[in-house]
């Protein structure tokens, strides 16, 4: 599976590995937003953004784990990447709007939400493709 970016010992390297880094940062940001929502800003929207970000960060790690062992790792990796991008856009816009009161980027929340839906559908497609190929 060297085309997926493995080194000689089997550890993921390069762009696919960045999914794990991004997921770790997104998970940490989600926990931080949860703390802010619980202690500093009484905002159901911020609490939702925190939950969404943390949940999708964990899901991306799971999807990446499947990708590493899959016959079609790139399809799984695209799903994880899209999931992180979409959750980051969604949660980032809500956090930005909540903390600044600036609604200039409001369009990013529905774009991110749609991207998350697409990423989950891509997970389903990757699962079907993997099932048919096995």
Protein backbone atom coordinates (compact mmCIF):
# COMPACT_ATOMS: atom_id res chain seq x y z
CA UNK A 1 0.00 0.00 0.00
CA UNK A 2 2.95 2.34 -0.60
CA UNK A 3 0.87 4.53 -2.91
CA UNK A 4 -1.12 5.57 0.15
CA UNK A 5 1.97 7.08 1.75
CA UNK A 6 3.27 4.34 4.03
CA UNK A 7 6.88 4.36 5.08
CA UNK A 8 8.92 1.16 5.39
CA UNK A 9 7.48 0.40 8.83
CA UNK A 10 3.86 0.87 7.77
CA UNK A 11 3.24 4.25 9.43
CA UNK A 12 1.21 6.66 7.33
CA UNK A 13 3.11 9.63 5.95
CA UNK A 14 2.38 12.68 3.82
CA UNK A 15 -1.03 14.08 2.99
CA UNK A 16 -3.10 11.17 4.39
CA UNK A 17 -1.29 11.54 7.71
CA UNK A 18 -2.41 15.18 7.84
CA UNK A 19 -5.98 13.92 8.28
CA UNK A 20 -4.95 12.67 11.72
CA UNK A 21 -3.26 15.94 12.60
CA UNK A 22 -6.30 17.94 11.46
CA UNK A 23 -8.63 15.61 13.34
CA UNK A 24 -6.61 16.04 16.51
CA UNK A 25 -6.69 19.82 16.20
CA UNK A 26 -10.41 19.79 15.36
CA UNK A 27 -11.14 17.58 18.37
CA UNK A 28 -9.19 19.90 20.64
CA UNK A 29 -11.00 22.92 19.18
CA UNK A 30 -14.32 21.17 19.73
CA UNK A 31 -13.53 20.60 23.39
CA UNK A 32 -12.42 24.23 23.71
CA UNK A 33 -15.66 25.43 22.13
CA UNK A 34 -17.60 23.18 24.51
CA UNK A 35 -15.86 24.77 27.46
CA UNK A 36 -16.58 28.25 26.12
CA UNK A 37 -20.23 27.34 25.56
CA UNK A 38 -20.52 25.93 29.07
CA UNK A 39 -18.66 28.66 30.97
CA UNK A 40 -18.37 31.87 28.96
CA UNK A 41 -21.01 32.18 26.25
CA UNK A 42 -24.56 30.97 26.74
CA UNK A 43 -25.14 29.91 23.14
CA UNK A 44 -26.91 26.76 21.98
CA UNK A 45 -25.41 27.37 18.53
CA UNK A 46 -21.87 27.33 19.94
CA UNK A 47 -22.63 24.18 21.89
CA UNK A 48 -23.91 22.53 18.71
CA UNK A 49 -20.83 23.65 16.79
CA UNK A 50 -18.60 22.15 19.48
CA UNK A 51 -20.45 18.84 19.42
CA UNK A 52 -20.42 18.68 15.62
CA UNK A 53 -16.70 19.43 15.43
CA UNK A 54 -15.72 16.91 18.11
CA UNK A 55 -17.96 14.18 16.70
CA UNK A 56 -16.70 14.61 13.15
CA UNK A 57 -13.06 14.75 14.27
CA UNK A 58 -13.49 11.37 15.97
CA UNK A 59 -15.35 9.99 12.95
CA UNK A 60 -12.55 11.13 10.62
CA UNK A 61 -10.02 9.22 12.73
CA UNK A 62 -12.17 6.10 12.45
CA UNK A 63 -12.56 6.56 8.71
CA UNK A 64 -8.82 7.03 8.37
CA UNK A 65 -8.27 3.76 10.27
CA UNK A 66 -10.49 2.02 7.72
CA UNK A 67 -8.64 3.74 4.87
CA UNK A 68 -5.29 2.39 6.02
CA UNK A 69 -6.60 -1.17 5.73
CA UNK A 70 -8.75 -0.71 2.64
CA UNK A 71 -8.26 -1.78 -0.95
CA UNK A 72 -9.52 1.73 -1.89
CA UNK A 73 -7.81 3.97 0.70
CA UNK A 74 -8.12 7.17 -1.33
CA UNK A 75 -11.91 7.02 -1.41
CA UNK A 76 -12.03 6.66 2.37
CA UNK A 77 -9.44 9.42 2.78
CA UNK A 78 -11.45 11.80 0.61
CA UNK A 79 -14.48 11.12 2.83
CA UNK A 80 -12.44 11.88 5.98
CA UNK A 81 -10.92 15.01 4.42
CA UNK A 82 -14.31 16.31 3.26
CA UNK A 83 -15.77 15.56 6.68
CA UNK A 84 -13.08 17.57 8.45
CA UNK A 85 -13.28 20.44 6.00
CA UNK A 86 -17.05 20.64 6.22
CA UNK A 87 -17.18 20.36 10.02
CA UNK A 88 -14.47 22.99 10.32
CA UNK A 89 -16.37 25.39 8.05
CA UNK A 90 -19.65 24.80 9.87
CA UNK A 91 -18.25 25.08 13.38
CA UNK A 92 -15.78 27.81 12.52
CA UNK A 93 -18.47 30.06 11.11
CA UNK A 94 -20.73 29.56 14.11
CA UNK A 95 -17.85 30.23 16.53
CA UNK A 96 -16.76 33.31 14.57
CA UNK A 97 -20.30 34.67 14.48
CA UNK A 98 -20.87 33.91 18.18
CA UNK A 99 -17.64 35.52 19.39
CA UNK A 100 -17.58 38.54 17.08
CA UNK A 101 -21.23 39.18 16.23
CA UNK A 102 -20.09 39.42 12.60
CA UNK A 103 -22.41 37.55 10.24
CA UNK A 104 -20.32 38.17 7.10
CA UNK A 105 -19.56 34.49 6.64
CA UNK A 106 -22.99 33.06 7.49
CA UNK A 107 -23.07 31.18 4.18
CA UNK A 108 -20.29 28.90 5.41
CA UNK A 109 -22.50 27.12 7.97
CA UNK A 110 -24.94 25.68 5.41
CA UNK A 111 -22.05 24.93 3.03
CA UNK A 112 -20.34 23.06 5.85
CA UNK A 113 -23.55 21.29 6.82
CA UNK A 114 -24.11 20.17 3.23
CA UNK A 115 -20.48 19.04 3.04
CA UNK A 116 -20.92 16.93 6.18
CA UNK A 117 -23.96 15.25 4.67
CA UNK A 118 -22.00 14.58 1.49
CA UNK A 119 -19.07 13.20 3.48
CA UNK A 120 -21.35 10.71 5.25
CA UNK A 121 -22.85 9.69 1.90
CA UNK A 122 -19.30 9.20 0.60
CA UNK A 123 -18.61 6.94 3.59
CA UNK A 124 -21.63 4.87 2.53
CA UNK A 125 -20.39 4.76 -1.07
CA UNK A 126 -16.89 3.76 0.06
CA UNK A 127 -18.41 1.02 2.19
CA UNK A 128 -20.45 -0.29 -0.74
CA UNK A 129 -17.45 -0.14 -3.09
CA UNK A 130 -15.32 -1.99 -0.54
CA UNK A 131 -18.04 -4.59 -0.03
CA UNK A 132 -18.50 -5.17 -3.77
CA UNK A 133 -14.73 -5.37 -4.36
CA UNK A 134 -14.15 -7.97 -1.62
